[in-house]
Amino acid sequence: MRGNKLWDGHRIVLPEMREKAVHRCRECRFLAVIVGQEETRSGCVAGIASFGGLQRRVPERIPLRELLHQVGRSGLQDILTGFNPDAQACGRFLPRLNKSGKKP
């Protein structure tokens, strides 16, 4: 059974789910640094339609005012509280791209 991608220690893991099980939130493309006037925090912007649907590229730094215009205060609270950099990646996980536009 060694070398079989479907067999992983007595569990069956589909190949597309294996990538999500191995990675963490801090390696995700949807991780963004939200810059306010006095504080800078990280958050997951996958829930925003324009970023989650890949209609717009997710910048590394997003001004707080821009997010407030898009999602409002309650949406901003969801973005900031739902993020844990050490958590296992969710179903929306996409690996971060290098500066050249390729996957690492």
PDB file of N, CA and C in Angstrom:
ATOM      1  N   MET A   1       0.804  -1.205   0.000  1.00  0.00           N
ATOM      2  CA  MET A   1       0.000   0.000   0.000  1.00  0.00           C
ATOM      3  C   MET A   1       0.850   1.273   0.000  1.00  0.00           C
ATOM      4  N   ARG A   2       2.145   1.156   0.130  1.00  0.00           N
ATOM      5  CA  ARG A   2       2.999   2.337   0.143  1.00  0.00           C
ATOM      6  C   ARG A   2       3.063   2.947  -1.248  1.00  0.00           C
ATOM      7  N   GLY A   3       3.061   4.259  -1.292  1.00  0.00           N
ATOM      8  CA  GLY A   3       3.098   4.961  -2.571  1.00  0.00           C
ATOM      9  C   GLY A   3       1.720   5.135  -3.190  1.00  0.00           C
ATOM     10  N   ASN A   4       0.699   4.583  -2.554  1.00  0.00           N
ATOM     11  CA  ASN A   4      -0.652   4.728  -3.060  1.00  0.00           C
ATOM     12  C   ASN A   4      -1.240   6.020  -2.498  1.00  0.00           C
ATOM     13  N   LYS A   5      -1.640   6.939  -3.355  1.00  0.00           N
ATOM     14  CA  LYS A   5      -2.128   8.237  -2.897  1.00  0.00           C
ATOM     15  C   LYS A   5      -3.508   8.140  -2.243  1.00  0.00           C
ATOM     16  N   LEU A   6      -4.252   7.089  -2.558  1.00  0.00           N
ATOM     17  CA  LEU A   6      -5.574   6.955  -1.952  1.00  0.00           C
ATOM     18  C   LEU A   6      -5.517   6.353  -0.544  1.00  0.00           C
ATOM     19  N   TRP A   7      -4.420   5.715  -0.216  1.00  0.00           N
ATOM     20  CA  TRP A   7      -4.299   5.076   1.084  1.00  0.00           C
ATOM     21  C   TRP A   7      -3.357   5.894   1.948  1.00  0.00           C
ATOM     22  N   ASP A   8      -3.859   6.414   3.044  1.00  0.00           N
ATOM     23  CA  ASP A   8      -3.032   7.253   3.905  1.00  0.00           C
ATOM     24  C   ASP A   8      -3.268   6.841   5.352  1.00  0.00           C
ATOM     25  N   GLY A   9      -2.550   5.851   5.802  1.00  0.00           N
ATOM     26  CA  GLY A   9      -2.654   5.424   7.199  1.00  0.00           C
ATOM     27  C   GLY A   9      -4.045   4.963   7.583  1.00  0.00           C
ATOM     28  N   HIS A  10      -4.600   3.997   6.897  1.00  0.00           N
ATOM     29  CA  HIS A  10      -5.913   3.421   7.173  1.00  0.00           C
ATOM     30  C   HIS A  10      -7.070   4.367   6.885  1.00  0.00           C
ATOM     31  N   ARG A  11      -6.819   5.412   6.134  1.00  0.00           N
ATOM     32  CA  ARG A  11      -7.888   6.322   5.739  1.00  0.00           C
ATOM     33  C   ARG A  11      -7.832   6.496   4.237  1.00  0.00           C
ATOM     34  N   ILE A  12      -8.972   6.613   3.623  1.00  0.00           N
ATOM     35  CA  ILE A  12      -9.004   6.898   2.198  1.00  0.00           C
ATOM     36  C   ILE A  12      -9.113   8.408   2.035  1.00  0.00           C
ATOM     37  N   VAL A  13      -8.160   8.980   1.322  1.00  0.00           N
ATOM     38  CA  VAL A  13      -8.125  10.415   1.095  1.00  0.00           C
ATOM     39  C   VAL A  13      -8.073  10.654  -0.408  1.00  0.00           C
ATOM     40  N   LEU A  14      -9.053  11.359  -0.918  1.00  0.00           N
ATOM     41  CA  LEU A  14      -9.050  11.681  -2.333  1.00  0.00           C
ATOM     42  C   LEU A  14      -7.918  12.658  -2.635  1.00  0.00           C
ATOM     43  N   PRO A  15      -7.306  12.571  -3.819  1.00  0.00           N
ATOM     44  CA  PRO A  15      -6.153  13.420  -4.121  1.00  0.00           C
ATOM     45  C   PRO A  15      -6.419  14.915  -3.980  1.00  0.00           C
ATOM     46  N   GLU A  16      -7.588  15.394  -4.392  1.00  0.00           N
ATOM     47  CA  GLU A  16      -7.866  16.824  -4.283  1.00  0.00           C
ATOM     48  C   GLU A  16      -8.082  17.259  -2.833  1.00  0.00           C
ATOM     49  N   MET A  17      -8.509  16.347  -1.964  1.00  0.00           N
ATOM     50  CA  MET A  17      -8.685  16.678  -0.551  1.00  0.00           C
ATOM     51  C   MET A  17      -7.362  16.579   0.210  1.00  0.00           C
ATOM     52  N   ARG A  18      -6.423  15.801  -0.292  1.00  0.00           N
ATOM     53  CA  ARG A  18      -5.131  15.665   0.373  1.00  0.00           C
ATOM     54  C   ARG A  18      -4.418  17.012   0.451  1.00  0.00           C
ATOM     55  N   GLU A  19      -4.495  17.795  -0.620  1.00  0.00           N
ATOM     56  CA  GLU A  19      -3.845  19.108  -0.631  1.00  0.00           C
ATOM     57  C   GLU A  19      -4.422  20.017   0.442  1.00  0.00           C
ATOM     58  N   LYS A  20      -5.719  19.950   0.644  1.00  0.00           N
ATOM     59  CA  LYS A  20      -6.351  20.785   1.656  1.00  0.00           C
ATOM     60  C   LYS A  20      -6.004  20.303   3.061  1.00  0.00           C
ATOM     61  N   ALA A  21      -5.829  18.995   3.250  1.00  0.00           N
ATOM     62  CA  ALA A  21      -5.526  18.450   4.567  1.00  0.00           C
ATOM     63  C   ALA A  21      -4.079  18.723   4.973  1.00  0.00           C
ATOM     64  N   VAL A  22      -3.204  18.908   4.030  1.00  0.00           N
ATOM     65  CA  VAL A  22      -1.782  19.104   4.319  1.00  0.00           C
ATOM     66  C   VAL A  22      -1.471  20.571   4.604  1.00  0.00           C
ATOM     67  N   HIS A  23      -2.174  21.495   3.992  1.00  0.00           N
ATOM     68  CA  HIS A  23      -1.847  22.915   4.070  1.00  0.00           C
ATOM     69  C   HIS A  23      -2.560  23.621   5.211  1.00  0.00           C
ATOM     70  N   ARG A  24      -2.055  24.791   5.544  1.00  0.00           N
ATOM     71  CA  ARG A  24      -2.608  25.633   6.605  1.00  0.00           C
ATOM     72  C   ARG A  24      -3.126  26.940   6.012  1.00  0.00           C
ATOM     73  N   CYS A  25      -3.918  27.660   6.771  1.00  0.00           N
ATOM     74  CA  CYS A  25      -4.514  28.916   6.306  1.00  0.00           C
ATOM     75  C   CYS A  25      -3.461  29.954   5.913  1.00  0.00           C
ATOM     76  N   ARG A  26      -2.327  29.985   6.593  1.00  0.00           N
ATOM     77  CA  ARG A  26      -1.313  30.988   6.293  1.00  0.00           C
ATOM     78  C   ARG A  26      -0.692  30.804   4.914  1.00  0.00           C
ATOM     79  N   GLU A  27      -0.896  29.650   4.263  1.00  0.00           N
ATOM     80  CA  GLU A  27      -0.360  29.378   2.931  1.00  0.00           C
ATOM     81  C   GLU A  27      -1.386  29.654   1.834  1.00  0.00           C
ATOM     82  N   CYS A  28      -2.550  30.166   2.205  1.00  0.00           N
ATOM     83  CA  CYS A  28      -3.663  30.325   1.264  1.00  0.00           C
ATOM     84  C   CYS A  28      -3.585  31.649   0.504  1.00  0.00           C
ATOM     85  N   ARG A  29      -4.110  31.639  -0.686  1.00  0.00           N
ATOM     86  CA  ARG A  29      -4.155  32.826  -1.539  1.00  0.00           C
ATOM     87  C   ARG A  29      -5.102  33.881  -0.975  1.00  0.00           C
ATOM     88  N   PHE A  30      -6.105  33.474  -0.217  1.00  0.00           N
ATOM     89  CA  PHE A  30      -7.116  34.400   0.286  1.00  0.00           C
ATOM     90  C   PHE A  30      -6.714  35.106   1.584  1.00  0.00           C
ATOM     91  N   LEU A  31      -5.544  34.815   2.095  1.00  0.00           N
ATOM     92  CA  LEU A  31      -5.040  35.504   3.284  1.00  0.00           C
ATOM     93  C   LEU A  31      -4.620  36.914   2.887  1.00  0.00           C
ATOM     94  N   ALA A  32      -5.119  37.898   3.597  1.00  0.00           N
ATOM     95  CA  ALA A  32      -4.765  39.293   3.310  1.00  0.00           C
ATOM     96  C   ALA A  32      -4.492  40.016   4.621  1.00  0.00           C
ATOM     97  N   VAL A  33      -3.612  40.989   4.544  1.00  0.00           N
ATOM     98  CA  VAL A  33      -3.313  41.844   5.689  1.00  0.00           C
ATOM     99  C   VAL A  33      -4.223  43.058   5.583  1.00  0.00           C
ATOM    100  N   ILE A  34      -5.021  43.294   6.606  1.00  0.00           N
ATOM    101  CA  ILE A  34      -5.974  44.400   6.623  1.00  0.00           C
ATOM    102  C   ILE A  34      -5.343  45.534   7.419  1.00  0.00           C
ATOM    103  N   VAL A  35      -5.150  46.655   6.743  1.00  0.00           N
ATOM    104  CA  VAL A  35      -4.419  47.777   7.322  1.00  0.00           C
ATOM    105  C   VAL A  35      -5.401  48.863   7.740  1.00  0.00           C
ATOM    106  N   GLY A  36      -5.462  49.113   9.052  1.00  0.00           N
ATOM    107  CA  GLY A  36      -6.265  50.200   9.582  1.00  0.00           C
ATOM    108  C   GLY A  36      -5.373  51.377   9.943  1.00  0.00           C
ATOM    109  N   GLN A  37      -5.931  52.380  10.625  1.00  0.00           N
ATOM    110  CA  GLN A  37      -5.132  53.538  11.009  1.00  0.00           C
ATOM    111  C   GLN A  37      -4.107  53.202  12.083  1.00  0.00           C
ATOM    112  N   GLU A  38      -4.528  52.400  13.078  1.00  0.00           N
ATOM    113  CA  GLU A  38      -3.644  52.114  14.199  1.00  0.00           C
ATOM    114  C   GLU A  38      -3.245  50.654  14.310  1.00  0.00           C
ATOM    115  N   GLU A  39      -3.929  49.771  13.612  1.00  0.00           N
ATOM    116  CA  GLU A  39      -3.709  48.344  13.800  1.00  0.00           C
ATOM    117  C   GLU A  39      -3.694  47.631  12.450  1.00  0.00           C
ATOM    118  N   THR A  40      -2.917  46.564  12.380  1.00  0.00           N
ATOM    119  CA  THR A  40      -2.845  45.724  11.184  1.00  0.00           C
ATOM    120  C   THR A  40      -3.137  44.290  11.608  1.00  0.00           C
ATOM    121  N   ARG A  41      -4.126  43.668  10.956  1.00  0.00           N
ATOM    122  CA  ARG A  41      -4.501  42.303  11.292  1.00  0.00           C
ATOM    123  C   ARG A  41      -4.669  41.491  10.021  1.00  0.00           C
ATOM    124  N   SER A  42      -4.559  40.185  10.148  1.00  0.00           N
ATOM    125  CA  SER A  42      -4.752  39.287   9.012  1.00  0.00           C
ATOM    126  C   SER A  42      -6.168  38.753   9.010  1.00  0.00           C
ATOM    127  N   GLY A  43      -6.651  38.431   7.813  1.00  0.00           N
ATOM    128  CA  GLY A  43      -7.993  37.887   7.690  1.00  0.00           C
ATOM    129  C   GLY A  43      -8.168  37.132   6.395  1.00  0.00           C
ATOM    130  N   CYS A  44      -9.214  36.323   6.344  1.00  0.00           N
ATOM    131  CA  CYS A  44      -9.526  35.517   5.167  1.00  0.00           C
ATOM    132  C   CYS A  44     -10.613  36.226   4.360  1.00  0.00           C
ATOM    133  N   VAL A  45     -10.304  36.575   3.112  1.00  0.00           N
ATOM    134  CA  VAL A  45     -11.247  37.309   2.271  1.00  0.00           C
ATOM    135  C   VAL A  45     -11.943  36.410   1.250  1.00  0.00           C
ATOM    136  N   ALA A  46     -11.929  35.092   1.482  1.00  0.00           N
ATOM    137  CA  ALA A  46     -12.560  34.158   0.549  1.00  0.00           C
ATOM    138  C   ALA A  46     -14.076  34.336   0.517  1.00  0.00           C
ATOM    139  N   GLY A  47     -14.670  34.881   1.569  1.00  0.00           N
ATOM    140  CA  GLY A  47     -16.112  35.078   1.622  1.00  0.00           C
ATOM    141  C   GLY A  47     -16.614  36.269   0.829  1.00  0.00           C
ATOM    142  N   ILE A  48     -15.730  37.135   0.395  1.00  0.00           N
ATOM    143  CA  ILE A  48     -16.118  38.286  -0.421  1.00  0.00           C
ATOM    144  C   ILE A  48     -16.259  37.813  -1.863  1.00  0.00           C
ATOM    145  N   ALA A  49     -17.379  38.106  -2.467  1.00  0.00           N
ATOM    146  CA  ALA A  49     -17.696  37.567  -3.800  1.00  0.00           C
ATOM    147  C   ALA A  49     -16.632  37.891  -4.849  1.00  0.00           C
ATOM    148  N   SER A  50     -16.136  39.117  -4.868  1.00  0.00           N
ATOM    149  CA  SER A  50     -15.174  39.495  -5.904  1.00  0.00           C
ATOM    150  C   SER A  50     -13.836  38.783  -5.737  1.00  0.00           C
ATOM    151  N   PHE A  51     -13.419  38.540  -4.495  1.00  0.00           N
ATOM    152  CA  PHE A  51     -12.158  37.847  -4.261  1.00  0.00           C
ATOM    153  C   PHE A  51     -12.345  36.327  -4.288  1.00  0.00           C
ATOM    154  N   GLY A  52     -13.392  35.833  -3.646  1.00  0.00           N
ATOM    155  CA  GLY A  52     -13.640  34.392  -3.579  1.00  0.00           C
ATOM    156  C   GLY A  52     -13.952  33.786  -4.927  1.00  0.00           C
ATOM    157  N   GLY A  53     -14.589  34.552  -5.804  1.00  0.00           N
ATOM    158  CA  GLY A  53     -14.889  34.077  -7.144  1.00  0.00           C
ATOM    159  C   GLY A  53     -13.752  34.294  -8.119  1.00  0.00           C
ATOM    160  N   LEU A  54     -12.627  34.805  -7.615  1.00  0.00           N
ATOM    161  CA  LEU A  54     -11.426  35.092  -8.408  1.00  0.00           C
ATOM    162  C   LEU A  54     -11.697  36.068  -9.548  1.00  0.00           C
ATOM    163  N   GLN A  55     -12.666  36.971  -9.331  1.00  0.00           N
ATOM    164  CA  GLN A  55     -12.912  38.040 -10.304  1.00  0.00           C
ATOM    165  C   GLN A  55     -11.840  39.113 -10.172  1.00  0.00           C
ATOM    166  N   ARG A  56     -11.337  39.294  -8.953  1.00  0.00           N
ATOM    167  CA  ARG A  56     -10.258  40.244  -8.679  1.00  0.00           C
ATOM    168  C   ARG A  56      -9.119  39.510  -7.993  1.00  0.00           C
ATOM    169  N   ARG A  57      -7.904  39.940  -8.251  1.00  0.00           N
ATOM    170  CA  ARG A  57      -6.742  39.375  -7.578  1.00  0.00           C
ATOM    171  C   ARG A  57      -6.747  39.832  -6.126  1.00  0.00           C
ATOM    172  N   VAL A  58      -6.397  38.944  -5.228  1.00  0.00           N
ATOM    173  CA  VAL A  58      -6.352  39.278  -3.805  1.00  0.00           C
ATOM    174  C   VAL A  58      -5.020  39.960  -3.513  1.00  0.00           C
ATOM    175  N   PRO A  59      -5.047  41.241  -3.124  1.00  0.00           N
ATOM    176  CA  PRO A  59      -3.792  41.920  -2.800  1.00  0.00           C
ATOM    177  C   PRO A  59      -3.246  41.440  -1.456  1.00  0.00           C
ATOM    178  N   GLU A  60      -1.958  41.631  -1.246  1.00  0.00           N
ATOM    179  CA  GLU A  60      -1.360  41.239   0.029  1.00  0.00           C
ATOM    180  C   GLU A  60      -1.852  42.140   1.157  1.00  0.00           C
ATOM    181  N   ARG A  61      -2.047  43.437   0.866  1.00  0.00           N
ATOM    182  CA  ARG A  61      -2.527  44.400   1.861  1.00  0.00           C
ATOM    183  C   ARG A  61      -3.794  45.068   1.336  1.00  0.00           C
ATOM    184  N   ILE A  62      -4.809  45.118   2.193  1.00  0.00           N
ATOM    185  CA  ILE A  62      -6.075  45.744   1.823  1.00  0.00           C
ATOM    186  C   ILE A  62      -6.374  46.841   2.839  1.00  0.00           C
ATOM    187  N   PRO A  63      -6.650  48.058   2.382  1.00  0.00           N
ATOM    188  CA  PRO A  63      -7.033  49.112   3.328  1.00  0.00           C
ATOM    189  C   PRO A  63      -8.387  48.793   3.973  1.00  0.00           C
ATOM    190  N   LEU A  64      -8.499  49.123   5.235  1.00  0.00           N
ATOM    191  CA  LEU A  64      -9.713  48.846   5.997  1.00  0.00           C
ATOM    192  C   LEU A  64     -10.933  49.514   5.369  1.00  0.00           C
ATOM    193  N   ARG A  65     -10.785  50.725   4.894  1.00  0.00           N
ATOM    194  CA  ARG A  65     -11.918  51.447   4.302  1.00  0.00           C
ATOM    195  C   ARG A  65     -12.497  50.723   3.095  1.00  0.00           C
ATOM    196  N   GLU A  66     -11.626  50.131   2.278  1.00  0.00           N
ATOM    197  CA  GLU A  66     -12.093  49.390   1.108  1.00  0.00           C
ATOM    198  C   GLU A  66     -12.953  48.195   1.518  1.00  0.00           C
ATOM    199  N   LEU A  67     -12.518  47.475   2.556  1.00  0.00           N
ATOM    200  CA  LEU A  67     -13.302  46.344   3.034  1.00  0.00           C
ATOM    201  C   LEU A  67     -14.624  46.781   3.646  1.00  0.00           C
ATOM    202  N   LEU A  68     -14.604  47.887   4.373  1.00  0.00           N
ATOM    203  CA  LEU A  68     -15.850  48.378   4.962  1.00  0.00           C
ATOM    204  C   LEU A  68     -16.873  48.741   3.892  1.00  0.00           C
ATOM    205  N   HIS A  69     -16.420  49.287   2.767  1.00  0.00           N
ATOM    206  CA  HIS A  69     -17.334  49.617   1.677  1.00  0.00           C
ATOM    207  C   HIS A  69     -17.899  48.361   1.030  1.00  0.00           C
ATOM    208  N   GLN A  70     -17.113  47.288   0.976  1.00  0.00           N
ATOM    209  CA  GLN A  70     -17.560  46.066   0.309  1.00  0.00           C
ATOM    210  C   GLN A  70     -18.453  45.194   1.176  1.00  0.00           C
ATOM    211  N   VAL A  71     -18.097  45.012   2.460  1.00  0.00           N
ATOM    212  CA  VAL A  71     -18.823  44.044   3.285  1.00  0.00           C
ATOM    213  C   VAL A  71     -19.511  44.636   4.517  1.00  0.00           C
ATOM    214  N   GLY A  72     -19.201  45.853   4.895  1.00  0.00           N
ATOM    215  CA  GLY A  72     -19.798  46.457   6.080  1.00  0.00           C
ATOM    216  C   GLY A  72     -19.124  45.991   7.359  1.00  0.00           C
ATOM    217  N   ARG A  73     -19.638  46.480   8.489  1.00  0.00           N
ATOM    218  CA  ARG A  73     -19.018  46.162   9.789  1.00  0.00           C
ATOM    219  C   ARG A  73     -19.184  44.689  10.172  1.00  0.00           C
ATOM    220  N   SER A  74     -20.361  44.131   9.961  1.00  0.00           N
ATOM    221  CA  SER A  74     -20.578  42.732  10.344  1.00  0.00           C
ATOM    222  C   SER A  74     -19.743  41.788   9.473  1.00  0.00           C
ATOM    223  N   GLY A  75     -19.633  42.085   8.197  1.00  0.00           N
ATOM    224  CA  GLY A  75     -18.802  41.269   7.315  1.00  0.00           C
ATOM    225  C   GLY A  75     -17.336  41.360   7.671  1.00  0.00           C
ATOM    226  N   LEU A  76     -16.898  42.552   8.053  1.00  0.00           N
ATOM    227  CA  LEU A  76     -15.512  42.739   8.481  1.00  0.00           C
ATOM    228  C   LEU A  76     -15.234  41.937   9.745  1.00  0.00           C
ATOM    229  N   GLN A  77     -16.180  41.919  10.654  1.00  0.00           N
ATOM    230  CA  GLN A  77     -16.024  41.141  11.886  1.00  0.00           C
ATOM    231  C   GLN A  77     -15.893  39.659  11.563  1.00  0.00           C
ATOM    232  N   ASP A  78     -16.661  39.153  10.598  1.00  0.00           N
ATOM    233  CA  ASP A  78     -16.559  37.750  10.184  1.00  0.00           C
ATOM    234  C   ASP A  78     -15.192  37.443   9.578  1.00  0.00           C
ATOM    235  N   ILE A  79     -14.664  38.374   8.791  1.00  0.00           N
ATOM    236  CA  ILE A  79     -13.358  38.185   8.158  1.00  0.00           C
ATOM    237  C   ILE A  79     -12.258  38.092   9.210  1.00  0.00           C
ATOM    238  N   LEU A  80     -12.319  38.937  10.215  1.00  0.00           N
ATOM    239  CA  LEU A  80     -11.262  38.978  11.226  1.00  0.00           C
ATOM    240  C   LEU A  80     -11.365  37.852  12.250  1.00  0.00           C
ATOM    241  N   THR A  81     -12.568  37.455  12.615  1.00  0.00           N
ATOM    242  CA  THR A  81     -12.713  36.425  13.649  1.00  0.00           C
ATOM    243  C   THR A  81     -12.622  35.012  13.088  1.00  0.00           C
ATOM    244  N   GLY A  82     -12.923  34.825  11.822  1.00  0.00           N
ATOM    245  CA  GLY A  82     -12.899  33.485  11.235  1.00  0.00           C
ATOM    246  C   GLY A  82     -11.538  33.022  10.792  1.00  0.00           C
ATOM    247  N   PHE A  83     -10.505  33.764  11.089  1.00  0.00           N
ATOM    248  CA  PHE A  83      -9.171  33.444  10.599  1.00  0.00           C
ATOM    249  C   PHE A  83      -8.278  32.932  11.711  1.00  0.00           C
ATOM    250  N   ASN A  84      -7.626  31.813  11.449  1.00  0.00           N
ATOM    251  CA  ASN A  84      -6.612  31.259  12.345  1.00  0.00           C
ATOM    252  C   ASN A  84      -5.474  30.763  11.459  1.00  0.00           C
ATOM    253  N   PRO A  85      -4.276  31.368  11.529  1.00  0.00           N
ATOM    254  CA  PRO A  85      -3.199  31.002  10.611  1.00  0.00           C
ATOM    255  C   PRO A  85      -2.716  29.559  10.749  1.00  0.00           C
ATOM    256  N   ASP A  86      -2.918  28.953  11.904  1.00  0.00           N
ATOM    257  CA  ASP A  86      -2.456  27.585  12.116  1.00  0.00           C
ATOM    258  C   ASP A  86      -3.544  26.545  11.894  1.00  0.00           C
ATOM    259  N   ALA A  87      -4.729  26.971  11.514  1.00  0.00           N
ATOM    260  CA  ALA A  87      -5.826  26.039  11.285  1.00  0.00           C
ATOM    261  C   ALA A  87      -5.626  25.295   9.972  1.00  0.00           C
ATOM    262  N   GLN A  88      -6.226  24.120   9.895  1.00  0.00           N
ATOM    263  CA  GLN A  88      -6.180  23.345   8.662  1.00  0.00           C
ATOM    264  C   GLN A  88      -6.957  24.094   7.583  1.00  0.00           C
ATOM    265  N   ALA A  89      -6.476  24.061   6.362  1.00  0.00           N
ATOM    266  CA  ALA A  89      -7.093  24.800   5.275  1.00  0.00           C
ATOM    267  C   ALA A  89      -8.529  24.339   5.042  1.00  0.00           C
ATOM    268  N   CYS A  90      -9.365  25.282   4.650  1.00  0.00           N
ATOM    269  CA  CYS A  90     -10.774  24.975   4.408  1.00  0.00           C
ATOM    270  C   CYS A  90     -10.974  24.538   2.957  1.00  0.00           C
ATOM    271  N   GLY A  91     -12.211  24.339   2.571  1.00  0.00           N
ATOM    272  CA  GLY A  91     -12.533  23.896   1.218  1.00  0.00           C
ATOM    273  C   GLY A  91     -12.256  24.930   0.153  1.00  0.00           C
ATOM    274  N   ARG A  92     -12.074  26.179   0.531  1.00  0.00           N
ATOM    275  CA  ARG A  92     -11.788  27.247  -0.433  1.00  0.00           C
ATOM    276  C   ARG A  92     -10.294  27.437  -0.682  1.00  0.00           C
ATOM    277  N   PHE A  93      -9.452  26.607  -0.093  1.00  0.00           N
ATOM    278  CA  PHE A  93      -8.001  26.774  -0.159  1.00  0.00           C
ATOM    279  C   PHE A  93      -7.488  26.766  -1.595  1.00  0.00           C
ATOM    280  N   LEU A  94      -6.672  27.750  -1.900  1.00  0.00           N
ATOM    281  CA  LEU A  94      -5.893  27.797  -3.130  1.00  0.00           C
ATOM    282  C   LEU A  94      -4.489  28.227  -2.746  1.00  0.00           C
ATOM    283  N   PRO A  95      -3.455  27.543  -3.248  1.00  0.00           N
ATOM    284  CA  PRO A  95      -2.096  27.927  -2.865  1.00  0.00           C
ATOM    285  C   PRO A  95      -1.752  29.317  -3.361  1.00  0.00           C
ATOM    286  N   ARG A  96      -0.946  30.000  -2.587  1.00  0.00           N
ATOM    287  CA  ARG A  96      -0.505  31.354  -2.918  1.00  0.00           C
ATOM    288  C   ARG A  96       0.397  31.323  -4.145  1.00  0.00           C
ATOM    289  N   LEU A  97       0.293  32.320  -4.984  1.00  0.00           N
ATOM    290  CA  LEU A  97       1.128  32.424  -6.176  1.00  0.00           C
ATOM    291  C   LEU A  97       2.414  33.179  -5.856  1.00  0.00           C
ATOM    292  N   ASN A  98       3.484  32.837  -6.556  1.00  0.00           N
ATOM    293  CA  ASN A  98       4.739  33.590  -6.441  1.00  0.00           C
ATOM    294  C   ASN A  98       4.581  34.919  -7.154  1.00  0.00           C
ATOM    295  N   LYS A  99       5.580  35.754  -7.049  1.00  0.00           N
ATOM    296  CA  LYS A  99       5.583  37.047  -7.759  1.00  0.00           C
ATOM    297  C   LYS A  99       5.513  36.843  -9.267  1.00  0.00           C
ATOM    298  N   SER A 100       6.044  35.712  -9.759  1.00  0.00           N
ATOM    299  CA  SER A 100       6.035  35.446 -11.197  1.00  0.00           C
ATOM    300  C   SER A 100       4.677  34.947 -11.676  1.00  0.00           C
ATOM    301  N   GLY A 101       3.746  34.667 -10.746  1.00  0.00           N
ATOM    302  CA  GLY A 101       2.411  34.226 -11.122  1.00  0.00           C
ATOM    303  C   GLY A 101       2.271  32.711 -11.163  1.00  0.00           C
ATOM    304  N   LYS A 102       3.277  31.980 -10.655  1.00  0.00           N
ATOM    305  CA  LYS A 102       3.241  30.528 -10.648  1.00  0.00           C
ATOM    306  C   LYS A 102       3.090  30.015  -9.226  1.00  0.00           C
ATOM    307  N   LYS A 103       2.544  28.807  -9.085  1.00  0.00           N
ATOM    308  CA  LYS A 103       2.428  28.197  -7.776  1.00  0.00           C
ATOM    309  C   LYS A 103       3.812  27.838  -7.260  1.00  0.00           C
ATOM    310  N   PRO A 104       4.044  27.961  -5.936  1.00  0.00           N
ATOM    311  CA  PRO A 104       5.368  27.630  -5.384  1.00  0.00           C
ATOM    312  C   PRO A 104       5.650  26.147  -5.451  1.00  0.00           C
TER     313      PRO A 104
END
